[in-house]
Amino acid sequence: MITLLYFARLRESFGISSEQAHPPAHVVDVRSLTEWLRQRGGAWQEELAQNRPVRVAVNQDMAAPDRAVCDGDEIAFFPPVTGG
């Protein structure tokens, strides 16, 4: 089981701030996790589309798409922060 956290516009679009998930065996990294979540359709497909900027942290460390995802991990999804 992994913990998924959603922040800012993602939390608003998905209607939840966190959830516990049991991804299938083929979900082994951030990329495959994102693809699996995208398959939920609707807001998930739209917000996690490849052309939408979304940052991911695994256990509070910024993560590249090839970062492994393991049982017990906490994975946070959030839009990039812009300042001005």
Foldseek 3Di string as FASTA:
>chain_A
DEKEAEDDVRCVLVVHGIDDDDDDPVQWFQQVVLVVQLVVDDSSVVCSPPVHAKWKDKQNHTDDRGHTDDPYIYMYIYHDDDDD
